[in-house]
Amino acid sequence: NELFQNTPNPFSDVTTIGFSLSKD
């Protein structure tokens, strides 16, 4: 389980937040 930094950051329109999970 991990939460990543959003990219891009800073942003003005849309950003992507990545994360991983050890199970569903």
PDBML (XML) file of the C-alpha atoms, coordinates in Angstrom:
<?xml version="1.0" encoding="UTF-8" ?>
<PDBx:datablock datablockName="MODEL"
   xmlns:PDBx="http://pdbml.pdb.org/schema/pdbx-v50.xsd"
   xmlns:xsi="http://www.w3.org/2001/XMLSchema-instance"
   xsi:schemaLocation="http://pdbml.pdb.org/schema/pdbx-v50.xsd pdbx-v50.xsd">
   <PDBx:atom_siteCategory>
      <PDBx:atom_site id="1">
         <PDBx:B_iso_or_equiv>0.00</PDBx:B_iso_or_equiv>
         <PDBx:Cartn_x>0.000</PDBx:Cartn_x>
         <PDBx:Cartn_y>0.000</PDBx:Cartn_y>
         <PDBx:Cartn_z>0.000</PDBx:Cartn_z>
         <PDBx:auth_asym_id>A</PDBx:auth_asym_id>
         <PDBx:auth_atom_id>CA</PDBx:auth_atom_id>
         <PDBx:auth_comp_id>ASN</PDBx:auth_comp_id>
         <PDBx:auth_seq_id>1</PDBx:auth_seq_id>
         <PDBx:group_PDB>ATOM</PDBx:group_PDB>
         <PDBx:label_alt_id xsi:nil="true" />
         <PDBx:label_asym_id>A</PDBx:label_asym_id>
         <PDBx:label_atom_id>CA</PDBx:label_atom_id>
         <PDBx:label_comp_id>ASN</PDBx:label_comp_id>
         <PDBx:label_entity_id>1</PDBx:label_entity_id>
         <PDBx:label_seq_id>1</PDBx:label_seq_id>
         <PDBx:occupancy>1.00</PDBx:occupancy>
         <PDBx:pdbx_PDB_model_num>1</PDBx:pdbx_PDB_model_num>
         <PDBx:type_symbol>C</PDBx:type_symbol>
      </PDBx:atom_site>
      <PDBx:atom_site id="2">
         <PDBx:B_iso_or_equiv>0.00</PDBx:B_iso_or_equiv>
         <PDBx:Cartn_x>1.455</PDBx:Cartn_x>
         <PDBx:Cartn_y>3.319</PDBx:Cartn_y>
         <PDBx:Cartn_z>-1.062</PDBx:Cartn_z>
         <PDBx:auth_asym_id>A</PDBx:auth_asym_id>
         <PDBx:auth_atom_id>CA</PDBx:auth_atom_id>
         <PDBx:auth_comp_id>GLU</PDBx:auth_comp_id>
         <PDBx:auth_seq_id>2</PDBx:auth_seq_id>
         <PDBx:group_PDB>ATOM</PDBx:group_PDB>
         <PDBx:label_alt_id xsi:nil="true" />
         <PDBx:label_asym_id>A</PDBx:label_asym_id>
         <PDBx:label_atom_id>CA</PDBx:label_atom_id>
         <PDBx:label_comp_id>GLU</PDBx:label_comp_id>
         <PDBx:label_entity_id>1</PDBx:label_entity_id>
         <PDBx:label_seq_id>2</PDBx:label_seq_id>
         <PDBx:occupancy>1.00</PDBx:occupancy>
         <PDBx:pdbx_PDB_model_num>1</PDBx:pdbx_PDB_model_num>
         <PDBx:type_symbol>C</PDBx:type_symbol>
      </PDBx:atom_site>
      <PDBx:atom_site id="3">
         <PDBx:B_iso_or_equiv>0.00</PDBx:B_iso_or_equiv>
         <PDBx:Cartn_x>0.234</PDBx:Cartn_x>
         <PDBx:Cartn_y>6.788</PDBx:Cartn_y>
         <PDBx:Cartn_z>-2.034</PDBx:Cartn_z>
         <PDBx:auth_asym_id>A</PDBx:auth_asym_id>
         <PDBx:auth_atom_id>CA</PDBx:auth_atom_id>
         <PDBx:auth_comp_id>LEU</PDBx:auth_comp_id>
         <PDBx:auth_seq_id>3</PDBx:auth_seq_id>
         <PDBx:group_PDB>ATOM</PDBx:group_PDB>
         <PDBx:label_alt_id xsi:nil="true" />
         <PDBx:label_asym_id>A</PDBx:label_asym_id>
         <PDBx:label_atom_id>CA</PDBx:label_atom_id>
         <PDBx:label_comp_id>LEU</PDBx:label_comp_id>
         <PDBx:label_entity_id>1</PDBx:label_entity_id>
         <PDBx:label_seq_id>3</PDBx:label_seq_id>
         <PDBx:occupancy>1.00</PDBx:occupancy>
         <PDBx:pdbx_PDB_model_num>1</PDBx:pdbx_PDB_model_num>
         <PDBx:type_symbol>C</PDBx:type_symbol>
      </PDBx:atom_site>
      <PDBx:atom_site id="4">
         <PDBx:B_iso_or_equiv>0.00</PDBx:B_iso_or_equiv>
         <PDBx:Cartn_x>2.317</PDBx:Cartn_x>
         <PDBx:Cartn_y>8.722</PDBx:Cartn_y>
         <PDBx:Cartn_z>-4.557</PDBx:Cartn_z>
         <PDBx:auth_asym_id>A</PDBx:auth_asym_id>
         <PDBx:auth_atom_id>CA</PDBx:auth_atom_id>
         <PDBx:auth_comp_id>PHE</PDBx:auth_comp_id>
         <PDBx:auth_seq_id>4</PDBx:auth_seq_id>
         <PDBx:group_PDB>ATOM</PDBx:group_PDB>
         <PDBx:label_alt_id xsi:nil="true" />
         <PDBx:label_asym_id>A</PDBx:label_asym_id>
         <PDBx:label_atom_id>CA</PDBx:label_atom_id>
         <PDBx:label_comp_id>PHE</PDBx:label_comp_id>
         <PDBx:label_entity_id>1</PDBx:label_entity_id>
         <PDBx:label_seq_id>4</PDBx:label_seq_id>
         <PDBx:occupancy>1.00</PDBx:occupancy>
         <PDBx:pdbx_PDB_model_num>1</PDBx:pdbx_PDB_model_num>
         <PDBx:type_symbol>C</PDBx:type_symbol>
      </PDBx:atom_site>
      <PDBx:atom_site id="5">
         <PDBx:B_iso_or_equiv>0.00</PDBx:B_iso_or_equiv>
         <PDBx:Cartn_x>2.726</PDBx:Cartn_x>
         <PDBx:Cartn_y>12.443</PDBx:Cartn_y>
         <PDBx:Cartn_z>-5.152</PDBx:Cartn_z>
         <PDBx:auth_asym_id>A</PDBx:auth_asym_id>
         <PDBx:auth_atom_id>CA</PDBx:auth_atom_id>
         <PDBx:auth_comp_id>GLN</PDBx:auth_comp_id>
         <PDBx:auth_seq_id>5</PDBx:auth_seq_id>
         <PDBx:group_PDB>ATOM</PDBx:group_PDB>
         <PDBx:label_alt_id xsi:nil="true" />
         <PDBx:label_asym_id>A</PDBx:label_asym_id>
         <PDBx:label_atom_id>CA</PDBx:label_atom_id>
         <PDBx:label_comp_id>GLN</PDBx:label_comp_id>
         <PDBx:label_entity_id>1</PDBx:label_entity_id>
         <PDBx:label_seq_id>5</PDBx:label_seq_id>
         <PDBx:occupancy>1.00</PDBx:occupancy>
         <PDBx:pdbx_PDB_model_num>1</PDBx:pdbx_PDB_model_num>
         <PDBx:type_symbol>C</PDBx:type_symbol>
      </PDBx:atom_site>
      <PDBx:atom_site id="6">
         <PDBx:B_iso_or_equiv>0.00</PDBx:B_iso_or_equiv>
         <PDBx:Cartn_x>0.274</PDBx:Cartn_x>
         <PDBx:Cartn_y>13.809</PDBx:Cartn_y>
         <PDBx:Cartn_z>-7.693</PDBx:Cartn_z>
         <PDBx:auth_asym_id>A</PDBx:auth_asym_id>
         <PDBx:auth_atom_id>CA</PDBx:auth_atom_id>
         <PDBx:auth_comp_id>ASN</PDBx:auth_comp_id>
         <PDBx:auth_seq_id>6</PDBx:auth_seq_id>
         <PDBx:group_PDB>ATOM</PDBx:group_PDB>
         <PDBx:label_alt_id xsi:nil="true" />
         <PDBx:label_asym_id>A</PDBx:label_asym_id>
         <PDBx:label_atom_id>CA</PDBx:label_atom_id>
         <PDBx:label_comp_id>ASN</PDBx:label_comp_id>
         <PDBx:label_entity_id>1</PDBx:label_entity_id>
         <PDBx:label_seq_id>6</PDBx:label_seq_id>
         <PDBx:occupancy>1.00</PDBx:occupancy>
         <PDBx:pdbx_PDB_model_num>1</PDBx:pdbx_PDB_model_num>
         <PDBx:type_symbol>C</PDBx:type_symbol>
      </PDBx:atom_site>
      <PDBx:atom_site id="7">
         <PDBx:B_iso_or_equiv>0.00</PDBx:B_iso_or_equiv>
         <PDBx:Cartn_x>1.676</PDBx:Cartn_x>
         <PDBx:Cartn_y>14.815</PDBx:Cartn_y>
         <PDBx:Cartn_z>-11.087</PDBx:Cartn_z>
         <PDBx:auth_asym_id>A</PDBx:auth_asym_id>
         <PDBx:auth_atom_id>CA</PDBx:auth_atom_id>
         <PDBx:auth_comp_id>THR</PDBx:auth_comp_id>
         <PDBx:auth_seq_id>7</PDBx:auth_seq_id>
         <PDBx:group_PDB>ATOM</PDBx:group_PDB>
         <PDBx:label_alt_id xsi:nil="true" />
         <PDBx:label_asym_id>A</PDBx:label_asym_id>
         <PDBx:label_atom_id>CA</PDBx:label_atom_id>
         <PDBx:label_comp_id>THR</PDBx:label_comp_id>
         <PDBx:label_entity_id>1</PDBx:label_entity_id>
         <PDBx:label_seq_id>7</PDBx:label_seq_id>
         <PDBx:occupancy>1.00</PDBx:occupancy>
         <PDBx:pdbx_PDB_model_num>1</PDBx:pdbx_PDB_model_num>
         <PDBx:type_symbol>C</PDBx:type_symbol>
      </PDBx:atom_site>
      <PDBx:atom_site id="8">
         <PDBx:B_iso_or_equiv>0.00</PDBx:B_iso_or_equiv>
         <PDBx:Cartn_x>1.935</PDBx:Cartn_x>
         <PDBx:Cartn_y>17.446</PDBx:Cartn_y>
         <PDBx:Cartn_z>-12.221</PDBx:Cartn_z>
         <PDBx:auth_asym_id>A</PDBx:auth_asym_id>
         <PDBx:auth_atom_id>CA</PDBx:auth_atom_id>
         <PDBx:auth_comp_id>PRO</PDBx:auth_comp_id>
         <PDBx:auth_seq_id>8</PDBx:auth_seq_id>
         <PDBx:group_PDB>ATOM</PDBx:group_PDB>
         <PDBx:label_alt_id xsi:nil="true" />
         <PDBx:label_asym_id>A</PDBx:label_asym_id>
         <PDBx:label_atom_id>CA</PDBx:label_atom_id>
         <PDBx:label_comp_id>PRO</PDBx:label_comp_id>
         <PDBx:label_entity_id>1</PDBx:label_entity_id>
         <PDBx:label_seq_id>8</PDBx:label_seq_id>
         <PDBx:occupancy>1.00</PDBx:occupancy>
         <PDBx:pdbx_PDB_model_num>1</PDBx:pdbx_PDB_model_num>
         <PDBx:type_symbol>C</PDBx:type_symbol>
      </PDBx:atom_site>
      <PDBx:atom_site id="9">
         <PDBx:B_iso_or_equiv>0.00</PDBx:B_iso_or_equiv>
         <PDBx:Cartn_x>2.179</PDBx:Cartn_x>
         <PDBx:Cartn_y>19.400</PDBx:Cartn_y>
         <PDBx:Cartn_z>-9.010</PDBx:Cartn_z>
         <PDBx:auth_asym_id>A</PDBx:auth_asym_id>
         <PDBx:auth_atom_id>CA</PDBx:auth_atom_id>
         <PDBx:auth_comp_id>ASN</PDBx:auth_comp_id>
         <PDBx:auth_seq_id>9</PDBx:auth_seq_id>
         <PDBx:group_PDB>ATOM</PDBx:group_PDB>
         <PDBx:label_alt_id xsi:nil="true" />
         <PDBx:label_asym_id>A</PDBx:label_asym_id>
         <PDBx:label_atom_id>CA</PDBx:label_atom_id>
         <PDBx:label_comp_id>ASN</PDBx:label_comp_id>
         <PDBx:label_entity_id>1</PDBx:label_entity_id>
         <PDBx:label_seq_id>9</PDBx:label_seq_id>
         <PDBx:occupancy>1.00</PDBx:occupancy>
         <PDBx:pdbx_PDB_model_num>1</PDBx:pdbx_PDB_model_num>
         <PDBx:type_symbol>C</PDBx:type_symbol>
      </PDBx:atom_site>
      <PDBx:atom_site id="10">
         <PDBx:B_iso_or_equiv>0.00</PDBx:B_iso_or_equiv>
         <PDBx:Cartn_x>1.422</PDBx:Cartn_x>
         <PDBx:Cartn_y>22.283</PDBx:Cartn_y>
         <PDBx:Cartn_z>-8.961</PDBx:Cartn_z>
         <PDBx:auth_asym_id>A</PDBx:auth_asym_id>
         <PDBx:auth_atom_id>CA</PDBx:auth_atom_id>
         <PDBx:auth_comp_id>PRO</PDBx:auth_comp_id>
         <PDBx:auth_seq_id>10</PDBx:auth_seq_id>
         <PDBx:group_PDB>ATOM</PDBx:group_PDB>
         <PDBx:label_alt_id xsi:nil="true" />
         <PDBx:label_asym_id>A</PDBx:label_asym_id>
         <PDBx:label_atom_id>CA</PDBx:label_atom_id>
         <PDBx:label_comp_id>PRO</PDBx:label_comp_id>
         <PDBx:label_entity_id>1</PDBx:label_entity_id>
         <PDBx:label_seq_id>10</PDBx:label_seq_id>
         <PDBx:occupancy>1.00</PDBx:occupancy>
         <PDBx:pdbx_PDB_model_num>1</PDBx:pdbx_PDB_model_num>
         <PDBx:type_symbol>C</PDBx:type_symbol>
      </PDBx:atom_site>
      <PDBx:atom_site id="11">
         <PDBx:B_iso_or_equiv>0.00</PDBx:B_iso_or_equiv>
         <PDBx:Cartn_x>-1.351</PDBx:Cartn_x>
         <PDBx:Cartn_y>22.018</PDBx:Cartn_y>
         <PDBx:Cartn_z>-11.566</PDBx:Cartn_z>
         <PDBx:auth_asym_id>A</PDBx:auth_asym_id>
         <PDBx:auth_atom_id>CA</PDBx:auth_atom_id>
         <PDBx:auth_comp_id>PHE</PDBx:auth_comp_id>
         <PDBx:auth_seq_id>11</PDBx:auth_seq_id>
         <PDBx:group_PDB>ATOM</PDBx:group_PDB>
         <PDBx:label_alt_id xsi:nil="true" />
         <PDBx:label_asym_id>A</PDBx:label_asym_id>
         <PDBx:label_atom_id>CA</PDBx:label_atom_id>
         <PDBx:label_comp_id>PHE</PDBx:label_comp_id>
         <PDBx:label_entity_id>1</PDBx:label_entity_id>
         <PDBx:label_seq_id>11</PDBx:label_seq_id>
         <PDBx:occupancy>1.00</PDBx:occupancy>
         <PDBx:pdbx_PDB_model_num>1</PDBx:pdbx_PDB_model_num>
         <PDBx:type_symbol>C</PDBx:type_symbol>
      </PDBx:atom_site>
      <PDBx:atom_site id="12">
         <PDBx:B_iso_or_equiv>0.00</PDBx:B_iso_or_equiv>
         <PDBx:Cartn_x>-4.070</PDBx:Cartn_x>
         <PDBx:Cartn_y>24.245</PDBx:Cartn_y>
         <PDBx:Cartn_z>-12.989</PDBx:Cartn_z>
         <PDBx:auth_asym_id>A</PDBx:auth_asym_id>
         <PDBx:auth_atom_id>CA</PDBx:auth_atom_id>
         <PDBx:auth_comp_id>SER</PDBx:auth_comp_id>
         <PDBx:auth_seq_id>12</PDBx:auth_seq_id>
         <PDBx:group_PDB>ATOM</PDBx:group_PDB>
         <PDBx:label_alt_id xsi:nil="true" />
         <PDBx:label_asym_id>A</PDBx:label_asym_id>
         <PDBx:label_atom_id>CA</PDBx:label_atom_id>
         <PDBx:label_comp_id>SER</PDBx:label_comp_id>
         <PDBx:label_entity_id>1</PDBx:label_entity_id>
         <PDBx:label_seq_id>12</PDBx:label_seq_id>
         <PDBx:occupancy>1.00</PDBx:occupancy>
         <PDBx:pdbx_PDB_model_num>1</PDBx:pdbx_PDB_model_num>
         <PDBx:type_symbol>C</PDBx:type_symbol>
      </PDBx:atom_site>
      <PDBx:atom_site id="13">
         <PDBx:B_iso_or_equiv>0.00</PDBx:B_iso_or_equiv>
         <PDBx:Cartn_x>-6.306</PDBx:Cartn_x>
         <PDBx:Cartn_y>21.864</PDBx:Cartn_y>
         <PDBx:Cartn_z>-14.931</PDBx:Cartn_z>
         <PDBx:auth_asym_id>A</PDBx:auth_asym_id>
         <PDBx:auth_atom_id>CA</PDBx:auth_atom_id>
         <PDBx:auth_comp_id>ASP</PDBx:auth_comp_id>
         <PDBx:auth_seq_id>13</PDBx:auth_seq_id>
         <PDBx:group_PDB>ATOM</PDBx:group_PDB>
         <PDBx:label_alt_id xsi:nil="true" />
         <PDBx:label_asym_id>A</PDBx:label_asym_id>
         <PDBx:label_atom_id>CA</PDBx:label_atom_id>
         <PDBx:label_comp_id>ASP</PDBx:label_comp_id>
         <PDBx:label_entity_id>1</PDBx:label_entity_id>
         <PDBx:label_seq_id>13</PDBx:label_seq_id>
         <PDBx:occupancy>1.00</PDBx:occupancy>
         <PDBx:pdbx_PDB_model_num>1</PDBx:pdbx_PDB_model_num>
         <PDBx:type_symbol>C</PDBx:type_symbol>
      </PDBx:atom_site>
      <PDBx:atom_site id="14">
         <PDBx:B_iso_or_equiv>0.00</PDBx:B_iso_or_equiv>
         <PDBx:Cartn_x>-5.928</PDBx:Cartn_x>
         <PDBx:Cartn_y>18.107</PDBx:Cartn_y>
         <PDBx:Cartn_z>-14.269</PDBx:Cartn_z>
         <PDBx:auth_asym_id>A</PDBx:auth_asym_id>
         <PDBx:auth_atom_id>CA</PDBx:auth_atom_id>
         <PDBx:auth_comp_id>VAL</PDBx:auth_comp_id>
         <PDBx:auth_seq_id>14</PDBx:auth_seq_id>
         <PDBx:group_PDB>ATOM</PDBx:group_PDB>
         <PDBx:label_alt_id xsi:nil="true" />
         <PDBx:label_asym_id>A</PDBx:label_asym_id>
         <PDBx:label_atom_id>CA</PDBx:label_atom_id>
         <PDBx:label_comp_id>VAL</PDBx:label_comp_id>
         <PDBx:label_entity_id>1</PDBx:label_entity_id>
         <PDBx:label_seq_id>14</PDBx:label_seq_id>
         <PDBx:occupancy>1.00</PDBx:occupancy>
         <PDBx:pdbx_PDB_model_num>1</PDBx:pdbx_PDB_model_num>
         <PDBx:type_symbol>C</PDBx:type_symbol>
      </PDBx:atom_site>
      <PDBx:atom_site id="15">
         <PDBx:B_iso_or_equiv>0.00</PDBx:B_iso_or_equiv>
         <PDBx:Cartn_x>-3.580</PDBx:Cartn_x>
         <PDBx:Cartn_y>16.060</PDBx:Cartn_y>
         <PDBx:Cartn_z>-12.097</PDBx:Cartn_z>
         <PDBx:auth_asym_id>A</PDBx:auth_asym_id>
         <PDBx:auth_atom_id>CA</PDBx:auth_atom_id>
         <PDBx:auth_comp_id>THR</PDBx:auth_comp_id>
         <PDBx:auth_seq_id>15</PDBx:auth_seq_id>
         <PDBx:group_PDB>ATOM</PDBx:group_PDB>
         <PDBx:label_alt_id xsi:nil="true" />
         <PDBx:label_asym_id>A</PDBx:label_asym_id>
         <PDBx:label_atom_id>CA</PDBx:label_atom_id>
         <PDBx:label_comp_id>THR</PDBx:label_comp_id>
         <PDBx:label_entity_id>1</PDBx:label_entity_id>
         <PDBx:label_seq_id>15</PDBx:label_seq_id>
         <PDBx:occupancy>1.00</PDBx:occupancy>
         <PDBx:pdbx_PDB_model_num>1</PDBx:pdbx_PDB_model_num>
         <PDBx:type_symbol>C</PDBx:type_symbol>
      </PDBx:atom_site>
      <PDBx:atom_site id="16">
         <PDBx:B_iso_or_equiv>0.00</PDBx:B_iso_or_equiv>
         <PDBx:Cartn_x>-3.021</PDBx:Cartn_x>
         <PDBx:Cartn_y>12.331</PDBx:Cartn_y>
         <PDBx:Cartn_z>-11.664</PDBx:Cartn_z>
         <PDBx:auth_asym_id>A</PDBx:auth_asym_id>
         <PDBx:auth_atom_id>CA</PDBx:auth_atom_id>
         <PDBx:auth_comp_id>THR</PDBx:auth_comp_id>
         <PDBx:auth_seq_id>16</PDBx:auth_seq_id>
         <PDBx:group_PDB>ATOM</PDBx:group_PDB>
         <PDBx:label_alt_id xsi:nil="true" />
         <PDBx:label_asym_id>A</PDBx:label_asym_id>
         <PDBx:label_atom_id>CA</PDBx:label_atom_id>
         <PDBx:label_comp_id>THR</PDBx:label_comp_id>
         <PDBx:label_entity_id>1</PDBx:label_entity_id>
         <PDBx:label_seq_id>16</PDBx:label_seq_id>
         <PDBx:occupancy>1.00</PDBx:occupancy>
         <PDBx:pdbx_PDB_model_num>1</PDBx:pdbx_PDB_model_num>
         <PDBx:type_symbol>C</PDBx:type_symbol>
      </PDBx:atom_site>
      <PDBx:atom_site id="17">
         <PDBx:B_iso_or_equiv>0.00</PDBx:B_iso_or_equiv>
         <PDBx:Cartn_x>-2.770</PDBx:Cartn_x>
         <PDBx:Cartn_y>10.657</PDBx:Cartn_y>
         <PDBx:Cartn_z>-8.280</PDBx:Cartn_z>
         <PDBx:auth_asym_id>A</PDBx:auth_asym_id>
         <PDBx:auth_atom_id>CA</PDBx:auth_atom_id>
         <PDBx:auth_comp_id>ILE</PDBx:auth_comp_id>
         <PDBx:auth_seq_id>17</PDBx:auth_seq_id>
         <PDBx:group_PDB>ATOM</PDBx:group_PDB>
         <PDBx:label_alt_id xsi:nil="true" />
         <PDBx:label_asym_id>A</PDBx:label_asym_id>
         <PDBx:label_atom_id>CA</PDBx:label_atom_id>
         <PDBx:label_comp_id>ILE</PDBx:label_comp_id>
         <PDBx:label_entity_id>1</PDBx:label_entity_id>
         <PDBx:label_seq_id>17</PDBx:label_seq_id>
         <PDBx:occupancy>1.00</PDBx:occupancy>
         <PDBx:pdbx_PDB_model_num>1</PDBx:pdbx_PDB_model_num>
         <PDBx:type_symbol>C</PDBx:type_symbol>
      </PDBx:atom_site>
      <PDBx:atom_site id="18">
         <PDBx:B_iso_or_equiv>0.00</PDBx:B_iso_or_equiv>
         <PDBx:Cartn_x>-1.083</PDBx:Cartn_x>
         <PDBx:Cartn_y>7.266</PDBx:Cartn_y>
         <PDBx:Cartn_z>-8.266</PDBx:Cartn_z>
         <PDBx:auth_asym_id>A</PDBx:auth_asym_id>
         <PDBx:auth_atom_id>CA</PDBx:auth_atom_id>
         <PDBx:auth_comp_id>GLY</PDBx:auth_comp_id>
         <PDBx:auth_seq_id>18</PDBx:auth_seq_id>
         <PDBx:group_PDB>ATOM</PDBx:group_PDB>
         <PDBx:label_alt_id xsi:nil="true" />
         <PDBx:label_asym_id>A</PDBx:label_asym_id>
         <PDBx:label_atom_id>CA</PDBx:label_atom_id>
         <PDBx:label_comp_id>GLY</PDBx:label_comp_id>
         <PDBx:label_entity_id>1</PDBx:label_entity_id>
         <PDBx:label_seq_id>18</PDBx:label_seq_id>
         <PDBx:occupancy>1.00</PDBx:occupancy>
         <PDBx:pdbx_PDB_model_num>1</PDBx:pdbx_PDB_model_num>
         <PDBx:type_symbol>C</PDBx:type_symbol>
      </PDBx:atom_site>
      <PDBx:atom_site id="19">
         <PDBx:B_iso_or_equiv>0.00</PDBx:B_iso_or_equiv>
         <PDBx:Cartn_x>-1.292</PDBx:Cartn_x>
         <PDBx:Cartn_y>4.625</PDBx:Cartn_y>
         <PDBx:Cartn_z>-5.566</PDBx:Cartn_z>
         <PDBx:auth_asym_id>A</PDBx:auth_asym_id>
         <PDBx:auth_atom_id>CA</PDBx:auth_atom_id>
         <PDBx:auth_comp_id>PHE</PDBx:auth_comp_id>
         <PDBx:auth_seq_id>19</PDBx:auth_seq_id>
         <PDBx:group_PDB>ATOM</PDBx:group_PDB>
         <PDBx:label_alt_id xsi:nil="true" />
         <PDBx:label_asym_id>A</PDBx:label_asym_id>
         <PDBx:label_atom_id>CA</PDBx:label_atom_id>
         <PDBx:label_comp_id>PHE</PDBx:label_comp_id>
         <PDBx:label_entity_id>1</PDBx:label_entity_id>
         <PDBx:label_seq_id>19</PDBx:label_seq_id>
         <PDBx:occupancy>1.00</PDBx:occupancy>
         <PDBx:pdbx_PDB_model_num>1</PDBx:pdbx_PDB_model_num>
         <PDBx:type_symbol>C</PDBx:type_symbol>
      </PDBx:atom_site>
      <PDBx:atom_site id="20">
         <PDBx:B_iso_or_equiv>0.00</PDBx:B_iso_or_equiv>
         <PDBx:Cartn_x>-0.570</PDBx:Cartn_x>
         <PDBx:Cartn_y>0.937</PDBx:Cartn_y>
         <PDBx:Cartn_z>-5.160</PDBx:Cartn_z>
         <PDBx:auth_asym_id>A</PDBx:auth_asym_id>
         <PDBx:auth_atom_id>CA</PDBx:auth_atom_id>
         <PDBx:auth_comp_id>SER</PDBx:auth_comp_id>
         <PDBx:auth_seq_id>20</PDBx:auth_seq_id>
         <PDBx:group_PDB>ATOM</PDBx:group_PDB>
         <PDBx:label_alt_id xsi:nil="true" />
         <PDBx:label_asym_id>A</PDBx:label_asym_id>
         <PDBx:label_atom_id>CA</PDBx:label_atom_id>
         <PDBx:label_comp_id>SER</PDBx:label_comp_id>
         <PDBx:label_entity_id>1</PDBx:label_entity_id>
         <PDBx:label_seq_id>20</PDBx:label_seq_id>
         <PDBx:occupancy>1.00</PDBx:occupancy>
         <PDBx:pdbx_PDB_model_num>1</PDBx:pdbx_PDB_model_num>
         <PDBx:type_symbol>C</PDBx:type_symbol>
      </PDBx:atom_site>
      <PDBx:atom_site id="21">
         <PDBx:B_iso_or_equiv>0.00</PDBx:B_iso_or_equiv>
         <PDBx:Cartn_x>-2.496</PDBx:Cartn_x>
         <PDBx:Cartn_y>-1.643</PDBx:Cartn_y>
         <PDBx:Cartn_z>-3.183</PDBx:Cartn_z>
         <PDBx:auth_asym_id>A</PDBx:auth_asym_id>
         <PDBx:auth_atom_id>CA</PDBx:auth_atom_id>
         <PDBx:auth_comp_id>LEU</PDBx:auth_comp_id>
         <PDBx:auth_seq_id>21</PDBx:auth_seq_id>
         <PDBx:group_PDB>ATOM</PDBx:group_PDB>
         <PDBx:label_alt_id xsi:nil="true" />
         <PDBx:label_asym_id>A</PDBx:label_asym_id>
         <PDBx:label_atom_id>CA</PDBx:label_atom_id>
         <PDBx:label_comp_id>LEU</PDBx:label_comp_id>
         <PDBx:label_entity_id>1</PDBx:label_entity_id>
         <PDBx:label_seq_id>21</PDBx:label_seq_id>
         <PDBx:occupancy>1.00</PDBx:occupancy>
         <PDBx:pdbx_PDB_model_num>1</PDBx:pdbx_PDB_model_num>
         <PDBx:type_symbol>C</PDBx:type_symbol>
      </PDBx:atom_site>
      <PDBx:atom_site id="22">
         <PDBx:B_iso_or_equiv>0.00</PDBx:B_iso_or_equiv>
         <PDBx:Cartn_x>-1.333</PDBx:Cartn_x>
         <PDBx:Cartn_y>-4.975</PDBx:Cartn_y>
         <PDBx:Cartn_z>-1.804</PDBx:Cartn_z>
         <PDBx:auth_asym_id>A</PDBx:auth_asym_id>
         <PDBx:auth_atom_id>CA</PDBx:auth_atom_id>
         <PDBx:auth_comp_id>SER</PDBx:auth_comp_id>
         <PDBx:auth_seq_id>22</PDBx:auth_seq_id>
         <PDBx:group_PDB>ATOM</PDBx:group_PDB>
         <PDBx:label_alt_id xsi:nil="true" />
         <PDBx:label_asym_id>A</PDBx:label_asym_id>
         <PDBx:label_atom_id>CA</PDBx:label_atom_id>
         <PDBx:label_comp_id>SER</PDBx:label_comp_id>
         <PDBx:label_entity_id>1</PDBx:label_entity_id>
         <PDBx:label_seq_id>22</PDBx:label_seq_id>
         <PDBx:occupancy>1.00</PDBx:occupancy>
         <PDBx:pdbx_PDB_model_num>1</PDBx:pdbx_PDB_model_num>
         <PDBx:type_symbol>C</PDBx:type_symbol>
      </PDBx:atom_site>
      <PDBx:atom_site id="23">
         <PDBx:B_iso_or_equiv>0.00</PDBx:B_iso_or_equiv>
         <PDBx:Cartn_x>-4.782</PDBx:Cartn_x>
         <PDBx:Cartn_y>-6.476</PDBx:Cartn_y>
         <PDBx:Cartn_z>-2.492</PDBx:Cartn_z>
         <PDBx:auth_asym_id>A</PDBx:auth_asym_id>
         <PDBx:auth_atom_id>CA</PDBx:auth_atom_id>
         <PDBx:auth_comp_id>LYS</PDBx:auth_comp_id>
         <PDBx:auth_seq_id>23</PDBx:auth_seq_id>
         <PDBx:group_PDB>ATOM</PDBx:group_PDB>
         <PDBx:label_alt_id xsi:nil="true" />
         <PDBx:label_asym_id>A</PDBx:label_asym_id>
         <PDBx:label_atom_id>CA</PDBx:label_atom_id>
         <PDBx:label_comp_id>LYS</PDBx:label_comp_id>
         <PDBx:label_entity_id>1</PDBx:label_entity_id>
         <PDBx:label_seq_id>23</PDBx:label_seq_id>
         <PDBx:occupancy>1.00</PDBx:occupancy>
         <PDBx:pdbx_PDB_model_num>1</PDBx:pdbx_PDB_model_num>
         <PDBx:type_symbol>C</PDBx:type_symbol>
      </PDBx:atom_site>
      <PDBx:atom_site id="24">
         <PDBx:B_iso_or_equiv>0.00</PDBx:B_iso_or_equiv>
         <PDBx:Cartn_x>-8.132</PDBx:Cartn_x>
         <PDBx:Cartn_y>-5.539</PDBx:Cartn_y>
         <PDBx:Cartn_z>-4.026</PDBx:Cartn_z>
         <PDBx:auth_asym_id>A</PDBx:auth_asym_id>
         <PDBx:auth_atom_id>CA</PDBx:auth_atom_id>
         <PDBx:auth_comp_id>ASP</PDBx:auth_comp_id>
         <PDBx:auth_seq_id>24</PDBx:auth_seq_id>
         <PDBx:group_PDB>ATOM</PDBx:group_PDB>
         <PDBx:label_alt_id xsi:nil="true" />
         <PDBx:label_asym_id>A</PDBx:label_asym_id>
         <PDBx:label_atom_id>CA</PDBx:label_atom_id>
         <PDBx:label_comp_id>ASP</PDBx:label_comp_id>
         <PDBx:label_entity_id>1</PDBx:label_entity_id>
         <PDBx:label_seq_id>24</PDBx:label_seq_id>
         <PDBx:occupancy>1.00</PDBx:occupancy>
         <PDBx:pdbx_PDB_model_num>1</PDBx:pdbx_PDB_model_num>
         <PDBx:type_symbol>C</PDBx:type_symbol>
      </PDBx:atom_site>
   </PDBx:atom_siteCategory>
</PDBx:datablock>
